């Protein structure tokens, strides 16, 4: 429907423009030969003027080649800029897609309760050692902070290990009775 209306509009515009130029077309009194003679005379005058100033023409030729060089340089710079912008944009889109897919996978893992954590092997050994040896039975904060700095582990993790040890001892005592 839109295309039909578009073609009707174009047809109407062409008819209107044809009506404007119709009176000029009906007058066949235009002398084409006279117009051609005037144009030929103008061209001859230009040629005579140009031949008399030959060094200026050479200057125009060199400036024309310089203008051509500048135009080519600008064109290549613009095209290179556009290409770099498109490559940068494509890279950002890919990075965004990877981040989205990573986020979607993590959300899916959370929903399915399949959360995986990366463990540090050195910390695993230290944590096993903390389970076997009670570190802060007395609750001395200075000793805990010094030991945490020495082992490069958090104070909270030390406190958690001591609590787990105390719960285990209480459980062992309760099951032994």
N, C-alpha and C. Protein backbone atom coordinates (compact mmCIF):
# COMPACT_ATOMS: atom_id res chain seq x y z
N UNK A 1 0.82 -1.18 0.00
CA UNK A 1 0.00 0.00 0.00
C UNK A 1 0.87 1.26 0.00
N UNK A 2 1.93 1.23 0.82
CA UNK A 2 2.82 2.38 0.89
C UNK A 2 3.54 2.60 -0.43
N UNK A 3 3.95 1.50 -1.05
CA UNK A 3 4.65 1.63 -2.33
C UNK A 3 3.74 2.20 -3.39
N UNK A 4 2.46 1.80 -3.38
CA UNK A 4 1.50 2.33 -4.35
C UNK A 4 1.32 3.83 -4.15
N UNK A 5 1.22 4.25 -2.90
CA UNK A 5 1.08 5.68 -2.63
C UNK A 5 2.35 6.43 -3.05
N UNK A 6 3.50 5.84 -2.84
CA UNK A 6 4.76 6.45 -3.22
C UNK A 6 4.83 6.64 -4.74
N UNK A 7 4.46 5.63 -5.48
CA UNK A 7 4.48 5.74 -6.95
C UNK A 7 3.46 6.76 -7.45
N UNK A 8 2.30 6.83 -6.81
CA UNK A 8 1.31 7.85 -7.19
C UNK A 8 1.85 9.25 -6.94
N UNK A 9 2.54 9.44 -5.84
CA UNK A 9 3.13 10.73 -5.52
C UNK A 9 4.18 11.11 -6.56
N UNK A 10 5.02 10.18 -6.93
CA UNK A 10 6.04 10.45 -7.94
C UNK A 10 5.39 10.78 -9.28
N UNK A 11 4.34 10.06 -9.64
CA UNK A 11 3.64 10.32 -10.91
C UNK A 11 3.04 11.72 -10.91
N UNK A 12 2.45 12.11 -9.78
CA UNK A 12 1.86 13.46 -9.70
C UNK A 12 2.94 14.53 -9.82
N UNK A 13 4.05 14.33 -9.17
CA UNK A 13 5.15 15.31 -9.25
C UNK A 13 5.70 15.43 -10.66
N UNK A 14 5.82 14.32 -11.36
CA UNK A 14 6.31 14.39 -12.74
C UNK A 14 5.31 15.09 -13.65
N UNK A 15 4.02 14.87 -13.43
CA UNK A 15 3.02 15.55 -14.24
C UNK A 15 3.05 17.06 -13.99
N UNK A 16 3.21 17.44 -12.73
CA UNK A 16 3.26 18.87 -12.41
C UNK A 16 4.49 19.52 -13.04
N UNK A 17 5.64 18.86 -12.94
CA UNK A 17 6.86 19.43 -13.52
C UNK A 17 6.76 19.47 -15.05
N UNK A 18 6.08 18.50 -15.65
CA UNK A 18 5.92 18.51 -17.11
C UNK A 18 5.04 19.67 -17.54
N UNK A 19 4.04 20.02 -16.73
CA UNK A 19 3.17 21.14 -17.07
C UNK A 19 3.92 22.47 -16.98
N UNK A 20 4.87 22.56 -16.05
CA UNK A 20 5.65 23.79 -15.93
C UNK A 20 6.55 23.99 -17.13
N UNK A 21 7.11 22.92 -17.66
CA UNK A 21 8.05 23.03 -18.77
C UNK A 21 7.36 22.91 -20.13
N UNK A 22 6.08 22.64 -20.16
CA UNK A 22 5.37 22.46 -21.44
C UNK A 22 5.36 23.74 -22.28
N UNK A 23 5.11 24.95 -21.74
CA UNK A 23 5.14 26.15 -22.59
C UNK A 23 6.51 26.38 -23.22
N UNK A 24 7.57 26.09 -22.48
CA UNK A 24 8.91 26.27 -23.04
C UNK A 24 9.17 25.25 -24.14
N UNK A 25 8.61 24.09 -24.02
CA UNK A 25 8.81 23.06 -25.03
C UNK A 25 8.00 23.36 -26.29
N UNK A 26 6.88 24.04 -26.12
CA UNK A 26 6.05 24.35 -27.28
C UNK A 26 6.71 25.41 -28.16
N UNK A 27 7.51 26.26 -27.59
CA UNK A 27 8.20 27.28 -28.38
C UNK A 27 9.42 26.65 -29.04
N UNK A 28 9.37 26.48 -30.33
CA UNK A 28 10.50 25.92 -31.06
C UNK A 28 11.34 27.01 -31.67
N UNK A 29 11.26 28.16 -31.13
CA UNK A 29 11.99 29.29 -31.69
C UNK A 29 13.41 29.39 -31.17
N UNK A 30 13.89 28.41 -30.43
CA UNK A 30 15.25 28.41 -29.89
C UNK A 30 16.20 28.04 -31.03
N UNK A 31 17.17 28.88 -31.23
CA UNK A 31 18.15 28.66 -32.29
C UNK A 31 19.34 27.92 -31.68
N UNK A 32 19.38 26.64 -31.92
CA UNK A 32 20.42 25.79 -31.33
C UNK A 32 21.78 26.12 -31.93
N UNK A 33 21.81 26.44 -33.23
CA UNK A 33 23.09 26.75 -33.88
C UNK A 33 23.73 28.00 -33.27
N UNK A 34 22.94 28.98 -32.93
CA UNK A 34 23.47 30.20 -32.32
C UNK A 34 24.05 29.89 -30.94
N UNK A 35 23.37 29.07 -30.19
CA UNK A 35 23.84 28.69 -28.86
C UNK A 35 25.17 27.94 -28.97
N UNK A 36 25.26 27.02 -29.95
CA UNK A 36 26.49 26.26 -30.14
C UNK A 36 27.65 27.17 -30.53
N UNK A 37 27.38 28.15 -31.42
CA UNK A 37 28.45 29.07 -31.83
C UNK A 37 28.96 29.88 -30.64
N UNK A 38 28.05 30.31 -29.76
CA UNK A 38 28.47 31.06 -28.57
C UNK A 38 29.33 30.20 -27.65
N UNK A 39 28.95 28.95 -27.47
CA UNK A 39 29.70 28.06 -26.60
C UNK A 39 31.08 27.77 -27.18
N UNK A 40 31.15 27.58 -28.50
CA UNK A 40 32.44 27.32 -29.15
C UNK A 40 33.34 28.55 -29.01
N UNK A 41 32.79 29.72 -29.16
CA UNK A 41 33.58 30.94 -29.01
C UNK A 41 34.10 31.08 -27.58
N UNK A 42 33.29 30.75 -26.59
CA UNK A 42 33.72 30.81 -25.20
C UNK A 42 34.85 29.83 -24.94
N UNK A 43 34.75 28.64 -25.51
CA UNK A 43 35.79 27.63 -25.32
C UNK A 43 37.10 28.09 -25.94
N UNK A 44 37.02 28.68 -27.15
CA UNK A 44 38.23 29.17 -27.81
C UNK A 44 38.88 30.28 -26.98
N UNK A 45 38.09 31.17 -26.42
CA UNK A 45 38.63 32.23 -25.57
C UNK A 45 39.34 31.64 -24.34
N UNK A 46 38.77 30.63 -23.76
CA UNK A 46 39.39 29.98 -22.60
C UNK A 46 40.72 29.33 -22.98
N UNK A 47 40.75 28.66 -24.15
CA UNK A 47 41.98 28.02 -24.59
C UNK A 47 43.07 29.05 -24.84
N UNK A 48 42.73 30.18 -25.48
CA UNK A 48 43.72 31.23 -25.72
C UNK A 48 44.24 31.79 -24.40
N UNK A 49 43.36 31.95 -23.44
CA UNK A 49 43.76 32.47 -22.13
C UNK A 49 44.68 31.48 -21.43
N UNK A 50 44.35 30.18 -21.52
CA UNK A 50 45.15 29.16 -20.85
C UNK A 50 46.51 28.99 -21.50
N UNK A 51 46.61 29.09 -22.81
CA UNK A 51 47.91 28.93 -23.49
C UNK A 51 48.82 30.10 -23.19
N UNK A 52 48.26 31.28 -22.98
CA UNK A 52 49.10 32.43 -22.66
C UNK A 52 49.67 32.35 -21.25
N UNK A 53 49.02 31.65 -20.37
CA UNK A 53 49.50 31.51 -18.99
C UNK A 53 49.86 30.06 -18.71
N UNK A 54 50.85 29.53 -19.43
CA UNK A 54 51.27 28.14 -19.30
C UNK A 54 51.89 27.83 -17.94
N UNK A 55 52.74 28.69 -17.38
CA UNK A 55 53.29 28.37 -16.06
C UNK A 55 52.21 28.26 -14.98
N UNK A 56 51.17 29.07 -15.06
CA UNK A 56 50.09 28.99 -14.08
C UNK A 56 49.38 27.65 -14.20
N UNK A 57 49.28 27.15 -15.44
CA UNK A 57 48.63 25.85 -15.64
C UNK A 57 49.46 24.74 -15.01
N UNK A 58 50.76 24.84 -15.13
CA UNK A 58 51.63 23.85 -14.51
C UNK A 58 51.49 23.91 -12.99
N UNK A 59 51.36 25.13 -12.46
CA UNK A 59 51.17 25.27 -11.03
C UNK A 59 49.85 24.64 -10.60
N UNK A 60 48.82 24.80 -11.43
CA UNK A 60 47.53 24.20 -11.10
C UNK A 60 47.63 22.69 -11.17
N UNK A 61 48.42 22.16 -12.13
CA UNK A 61 48.58 20.72 -12.24
C UNK A 61 49.27 20.15 -11.01
N UNK A 62 50.32 20.85 -10.54
CA UNK A 62 51.01 20.36 -9.35
C UNK A 62 50.12 20.49 -8.12
N UNK A 63 49.40 21.60 -8.02
CA UNK A 63 48.51 21.74 -6.87
C UNK A 63 47.37 20.73 -6.96
N UNK A 64 46.96 20.41 -8.18
CA UNK A 64 45.93 19.38 -8.34
C UNK A 64 46.42 18.03 -7.89
N UNK A 65 47.69 17.70 -8.20
CA UNK A 65 48.24 16.42 -7.75
C UNK A 65 48.41 16.41 -6.23
N UNK A 66 48.80 17.58 -5.66
CA UNK A 66 48.88 17.66 -4.21
C UNK A 66 47.51 17.51 -3.58
N UNK A 67 46.50 18.12 -4.19
CA UNK A 67 45.14 17.98 -3.67
C UNK A 67 44.70 16.52 -3.77
N UNK A 68 45.06 15.86 -4.84
CA UNK A 68 44.71 14.45 -5.00
C UNK A 68 45.39 13.62 -3.91
N UNK A 69 46.67 13.91 -3.66
CA UNK A 69 47.40 13.19 -2.61
C UNK A 69 46.74 13.42 -1.25
N UNK A 70 46.39 14.65 -0.98
CA UNK A 70 45.75 14.96 0.31
C UNK A 70 44.40 14.26 0.42
N UNK A 71 43.65 14.26 -0.65
CA UNK A 71 42.34 13.57 -0.63
C UNK A 71 42.51 12.08 -0.40
N UNK A 72 43.49 11.48 -1.08
CA UNK A 72 43.73 10.05 -0.90
C UNK A 72 44.17 9.77 0.53
N UNK A 73 45.03 10.64 1.07
CA UNK A 73 45.50 10.48 2.44
C UNK A 73 44.33 10.57 3.42
N UNK A 74 43.47 11.55 3.24
CA UNK A 74 42.31 11.72 4.12
C UNK A 74 41.37 10.52 4.00
N UNK A 75 41.17 10.06 2.78
CA UNK A 75 40.30 8.91 2.55
C UNK A 75 40.84 7.66 3.23
N UNK A 76 42.14 7.41 3.10
CA UNK A 76 42.72 6.24 3.75
C UNK A 76 42.66 6.37 5.27
N UNK A 77 42.92 7.58 5.79
CA UNK A 77 42.82 7.77 7.24
C UNK A 77 41.41 7.52 7.74
N UNK A 78 40.44 8.04 7.03
CA UNK A 78 39.05 7.83 7.45
C UNK A 78 38.67 6.36 7.38
N UNK A 79 39.07 5.70 6.30
CA UNK A 79 38.72 4.28 6.17
C UNK A 79 39.42 3.46 7.25
N UNK A 80 40.69 3.79 7.55
CA UNK A 80 41.40 3.09 8.61
C UNK A 80 40.73 3.34 9.96
N UNK A 81 40.32 4.58 10.20
CA UNK A 81 39.62 4.89 11.44
C UNK A 81 38.31 4.13 11.57
N UNK A 82 37.58 4.05 10.49
CA UNK A 82 36.30 3.33 10.52
C UNK A 82 36.54 1.84 10.77
N UNK A 83 37.55 1.28 10.10
CA UNK A 83 37.86 -0.14 10.29
C UNK A 83 38.26 -0.41 11.73
N UNK A 84 39.12 0.45 12.30
CA UNK A 84 39.53 0.26 13.68
C UNK A 84 38.35 0.39 14.64
N UNK A 85 37.46 1.34 14.38
CA UNK A 85 36.27 1.49 15.22
C UNK A 85 35.40 0.23 15.15
N UNK A 86 35.23 -0.31 13.94
CA UNK A 86 34.40 -1.52 13.80
C UNK A 86 35.04 -2.72 14.50
N UNK A 87 36.37 -2.85 14.39
CA UNK A 87 37.05 -3.95 15.07
C UNK A 87 36.93 -3.81 16.58
N UNK A 88 37.10 -2.59 17.09
CA UNK A 88 36.97 -2.34 18.52
C UNK A 88 35.57 -2.67 18.99
N UNK A 89 34.58 -2.25 18.22
CA UNK A 89 33.18 -2.50 18.59
C UNK A 89 32.88 -3.99 18.58
N UNK A 90 33.38 -4.70 17.55
CA UNK A 90 33.15 -6.15 17.47
C UNK A 90 33.80 -6.86 18.65
N UNK A 91 35.02 -6.44 19.03
CA UNK A 91 35.69 -7.05 20.17
C UNK A 91 34.90 -6.81 21.45
N UNK A 92 34.39 -5.60 21.65
CA UNK A 92 33.60 -5.31 22.84
C UNK A 92 32.32 -6.12 22.87
N UNK A 93 31.70 -6.30 21.71
CA UNK A 93 30.48 -7.11 21.66
C UNK A 93 30.78 -8.55 22.03
N UNK A 94 31.91 -9.11 21.53
CA UNK A 94 32.28 -10.48 21.87
C UNK A 94 32.57 -10.62 23.36
N UNK A 95 33.27 -9.63 23.91
CA UNK A 95 33.58 -9.68 25.35
C UNK A 95 32.29 -9.63 26.16
N UNK A 96 31.36 -8.78 25.75
CA UNK A 96 30.08 -8.68 26.44
C UNK A 96 29.31 -10.00 26.35
N UNK A 97 29.35 -10.64 25.17
CA UNK A 97 28.66 -11.91 25.01
C UNK A 97 29.27 -12.99 25.89
N UNK A 98 30.61 -13.01 25.98
CA UNK A 98 31.28 -14.00 26.82
C UNK A 98 30.92 -13.76 28.28
N UNK A 99 30.90 -12.50 28.70
CA UNK A 99 30.53 -12.20 30.08
C UNK A 99 29.08 -12.60 30.37
N UNK A 100 28.20 -12.36 29.41
CA UNK A 100 26.80 -12.75 29.61
C UNK A 100 26.67 -14.26 29.71
N UNK A 101 27.37 -14.99 28.83
CA UNK A 101 27.27 -16.45 28.87
C UNK A 101 27.85 -16.99 30.17
N UNK A 102 28.96 -16.38 30.63
CA UNK A 102 29.56 -16.80 31.90
C UNK A 102 28.59 -16.57 33.04
N UNK A 103 27.94 -15.40 33.04
CA UNK A 103 26.98 -15.08 34.07
C UNK A 103 25.78 -16.04 34.02
N UNK A 104 25.30 -16.33 32.81
CA UNK A 104 24.17 -17.25 32.67
C UNK A 104 24.53 -18.64 33.17
N UNK A 105 25.75 -19.10 32.87
CA UNK A 105 26.18 -20.42 33.35
C UNK A 105 26.26 -20.44 34.87
N UNK A 106 26.77 -19.37 35.45
CA UNK A 106 26.86 -19.32 36.91
C UNK A 106 25.49 -19.29 37.57
N UNK A 107 24.55 -18.55 36.98
CA UNK A 107 23.19 -18.52 37.50
C UNK A 107 22.56 -19.90 37.39
N UNK A 108 22.81 -20.57 36.26
CA UNK A 108 22.27 -21.92 36.08
C UNK A 108 22.87 -22.87 37.12
N UNK A 109 24.16 -22.74 37.40
CA UNK A 109 24.80 -23.58 38.42
C UNK A 109 24.21 -23.31 39.81
N UNK A 110 23.94 -22.03 40.09
CA UNK A 110 23.34 -21.70 41.38
C UNK A 110 21.95 -22.31 41.52
N UNK A 111 21.18 -22.28 40.46
CA UNK A 111 19.83 -22.84 40.51
C UNK A 111 19.86 -24.36 40.68
N UNK A 112 20.88 -24.98 40.09
CA UNK A 112 20.99 -26.44 40.19
C UNK A 112 21.80 -26.88 41.40
N UNK A 113 22.27 -25.93 42.20
CA UNK A 113 23.10 -26.20 43.38
C UNK A 113 24.37 -26.95 43.02
N UNK A 114 25.00 -26.58 41.94
CA UNK A 114 26.27 -27.18 41.52
C UNK A 114 27.37 -26.12 41.56
N UNK A 115 27.53 -25.52 42.71
CA UNK A 115 28.52 -24.46 42.86
C UNK A 115 29.89 -25.10 43.06
N UNK A 116 30.84 -24.67 42.26
CA UNK A 116 32.20 -25.17 42.39
C UNK A 116 33.11 -24.04 42.85
N UNK A 117 34.03 -24.39 43.74
CA UNK A 117 34.97 -23.39 44.25
C UNK A 117 36.38 -23.87 43.96
N UNK A 118 37.24 -22.96 43.60
CA UNK A 118 38.64 -23.30 43.38
C UNK A 118 39.36 -23.26 44.71
N UNK A 119 40.12 -24.30 44.96
CA UNK A 119 40.82 -24.38 46.23
C UNK A 119 42.31 -24.22 46.01
N UNK A 120 42.94 -23.58 46.96
CA UNK A 120 44.38 -23.41 46.93
C UNK A 120 44.99 -24.58 47.70
N UNK A 121 45.96 -25.27 47.09
CA UNK A 121 46.53 -26.47 47.71
C UNK A 121 47.28 -26.14 49.00
N UNK A 122 47.95 -25.00 49.03
CA UNK A 122 48.68 -24.62 50.24
C UNK A 122 47.72 -24.34 51.39
N UNK A 123 46.61 -23.65 51.07
CA UNK A 123 45.64 -23.37 52.12
C UNK A 123 44.93 -24.65 52.57
N UNK A 124 44.79 -25.62 51.69
CA UNK A 124 44.15 -26.88 52.07
C UNK A 124 44.98 -27.57 53.14
N UNK A 125 46.30 -27.58 52.96
CA UNK A 125 47.17 -28.21 53.95
C UNK A 125 47.08 -27.47 55.29
N UNK A 126 47.08 -26.16 55.22
CA UNK A 126 47.00 -25.35 56.44
C UNK A 126 45.67 -25.57 57.15
N UNK A 127 44.61 -25.68 56.39
CA UNK A 127 43.29 -25.91 57.01
C UNK A 127 43.20 -27.28 57.66
N UNK A 128 43.81 -28.28 57.04
CA UNK A 128 43.84 -29.61 57.66
C UNK A 128 44.61 -29.56 58.98
N UNK A 129 45.71 -28.79 58.97
CA UNK A 129 46.51 -28.64 60.17
C UNK A 129 45.71 -27.92 61.26
N UNK A 130 44.93 -26.91 60.88
CA UNK A 130 44.11 -26.18 61.86
C UNK A 130 43.03 -27.07 62.46
N UNK A 131 42.53 -28.02 61.67
CA UNK A 131 41.52 -28.92 62.20
C UNK A 131 42.11 -29.83 63.27
N UNK A 132 43.34 -30.22 63.08
CA UNK A 132 43.96 -31.16 64.01
C UNK A 132 44.49 -30.47 65.27
N UNK A 133 44.99 -29.23 65.12
CA UNK A 133 45.57 -28.52 66.26
C UNK A 133 44.70 -27.32 66.63
N UNK A 134 44.31 -27.20 67.86
CA UNK A 134 43.60 -25.99 68.26
C UNK A 134 44.58 -24.82 68.35
N UNK A 135 44.24 -23.71 67.77
CA UNK A 135 45.14 -22.57 67.72
C UNK A 135 44.82 -21.59 68.84
N UNK A 136 43.59 -21.20 68.95
CA UNK A 136 43.25 -20.15 69.91
C UNK A 136 42.17 -20.65 70.86
N UNK A 137 42.59 -21.44 71.83
CA UNK A 137 41.63 -21.92 72.82
C UNK A 137 41.28 -20.83 73.82
N UNK A 138 42.27 -20.02 74.16
CA UNK A 138 42.04 -19.03 75.20
C UNK A 138 41.30 -17.80 74.67
N UNK A 139 41.31 -17.58 73.36
CA UNK A 139 40.64 -16.42 72.79
C UNK A 139 41.50 -15.18 72.84
N UNK A 140 42.81 -15.34 72.92
CA UNK A 140 43.73 -14.21 72.96
C UNK A 140 43.79 -13.60 71.56
N UNK A 141 43.35 -12.37 71.42
CA UNK A 141 43.24 -11.73 70.11
C UNK A 141 44.60 -11.40 69.52
N UNK A 142 45.56 -11.01 70.36
CA UNK A 142 46.89 -10.67 69.84
C UNK A 142 47.58 -11.90 69.26
N UNK A 143 47.46 -13.02 69.97
CA UNK A 143 48.08 -14.25 69.49
C UNK A 143 47.44 -14.69 68.17
N UNK A 144 46.12 -14.56 68.09
CA UNK A 144 45.41 -14.95 66.87
C UNK A 144 45.85 -14.09 65.70
N UNK A 145 45.95 -12.79 65.90
CA UNK A 145 46.33 -11.91 64.80
C UNK A 145 47.78 -12.16 64.37
N UNK A 146 48.69 -12.43 65.35
CA UNK A 146 50.07 -12.73 64.99
C UNK A 146 50.17 -14.05 64.21
N UNK A 147 49.44 -15.04 64.68
CA UNK A 147 49.47 -16.34 64.00
C UNK A 147 48.87 -16.24 62.60
N UNK A 148 47.82 -15.43 62.44
CA UNK A 148 47.19 -15.25 61.13
C UNK A 148 48.14 -14.55 60.17
N UNK A 149 48.88 -13.56 60.67
CA UNK A 149 49.86 -12.88 59.82
C UNK A 149 50.99 -13.83 59.44
N UNK A 150 51.40 -14.63 60.40
CA UNK A 150 52.50 -15.56 60.15
C UNK A 150 52.11 -16.61 59.10
N UNK A 151 50.91 -17.09 59.17
CA UNK A 151 50.45 -18.12 58.23
C UNK A 151 49.78 -17.54 56.99
N UNK A 152 49.64 -16.23 56.93
CA UNK A 152 48.95 -15.49 55.85
C UNK A 152 47.55 -16.06 55.59
N UNK A 153 46.78 -16.07 56.67
CA UNK A 153 45.40 -16.55 56.61
C UNK A 153 44.57 -15.58 57.44
N UNK A 154 43.29 -15.55 57.18
CA UNK A 154 42.44 -14.57 57.87
C UNK A 154 42.15 -15.01 59.30
N UNK A 155 41.89 -14.00 60.14
CA UNK A 155 41.56 -14.28 61.54
C UNK A 155 40.23 -15.02 61.65
N UNK A 156 39.31 -14.68 60.78
CA UNK A 156 38.01 -15.34 60.81
C UNK A 156 38.12 -16.83 60.54
N UNK A 157 39.04 -17.18 59.65
CA UNK A 157 39.22 -18.60 59.37
C UNK A 157 39.81 -19.32 60.57
N UNK A 158 40.71 -18.66 61.29
CA UNK A 158 41.27 -19.25 62.51
C UNK A 158 40.19 -19.42 63.57
N UNK A 159 39.37 -18.41 63.72
CA UNK A 159 38.29 -18.49 64.71
C UNK A 159 37.30 -19.60 64.35
N UNK A 160 37.01 -19.73 63.07
CA UNK A 160 36.11 -20.79 62.63
C UNK A 160 36.71 -22.16 62.92
N UNK A 161 37.99 -22.31 62.66
CA UNK A 161 38.65 -23.59 62.93
C UNK A 161 38.62 -23.92 64.42
N UNK A 162 38.83 -22.92 65.26
CA UNK A 162 38.80 -23.17 66.70
C UNK A 162 37.39 -23.54 67.17
N UNK A 163 36.39 -22.89 66.59
CA UNK A 163 35.00 -23.24 66.96
C UNK A 163 34.66 -24.66 66.53
N UNK A 164 35.08 -25.00 65.33
CA UNK A 164 34.82 -26.37 64.86
C UNK A 164 35.52 -27.39 65.76
N UNK A 165 36.72 -27.07 66.15
CA UNK A 165 37.44 -27.98 67.08
C UNK A 165 36.71 -28.09 68.41
N UNK A 166 36.21 -26.95 68.91
CA UNK A 166 35.51 -27.00 70.20
C UNK A 166 34.21 -27.79 70.06
N UNK A 167 33.48 -27.64 68.98
CA UNK A 167 32.26 -28.42 68.76
C UNK A 167 32.57 -29.90 68.64
N UNK A 168 33.70 -30.19 68.00
CA UNK A 168 34.07 -31.59 67.85
C UNK A 168 34.42 -32.20 69.20
N UNK A 169 35.14 -31.42 70.04
CA UNK A 169 35.48 -31.92 71.37
C UNK A 169 34.23 -32.15 72.22
N UNK A 170 33.28 -31.18 72.10
CA UNK A 170 32.02 -31.33 72.86
C UNK A 170 31.26 -32.55 72.37
N UNK A 171 31.26 -32.79 71.09
CA UNK A 171 30.55 -33.94 70.53
C UNK A 171 31.24 -35.24 70.97
N UNK A 172 32.58 -35.23 70.97
CA UNK A 172 33.30 -36.42 71.41
C UNK A 172 33.02 -36.71 72.89
N UNK A 173 32.96 -35.66 73.69
CA UNK A 173 32.67 -35.82 75.11
C UNK A 173 31.26 -36.36 75.30
N UNK A 174 30.31 -35.84 74.55
CA UNK A 174 28.90 -36.27 74.67
C UNK A 174 28.73 -37.71 74.19
N UNK A 175 29.40 -38.09 73.15
CA UNK A 175 29.25 -39.47 72.66
C UNK A 175 30.02 -40.46 73.55
N UNK A 176 31.04 -39.98 74.25
CA UNK A 176 31.80 -40.85 75.15
C UNK A 176 31.03 -41.17 76.43
N UNK A 177 30.06 -40.38 76.82
CA UNK A 177 29.32 -40.63 78.05
C UNK A 177 28.31 -41.66 77.88
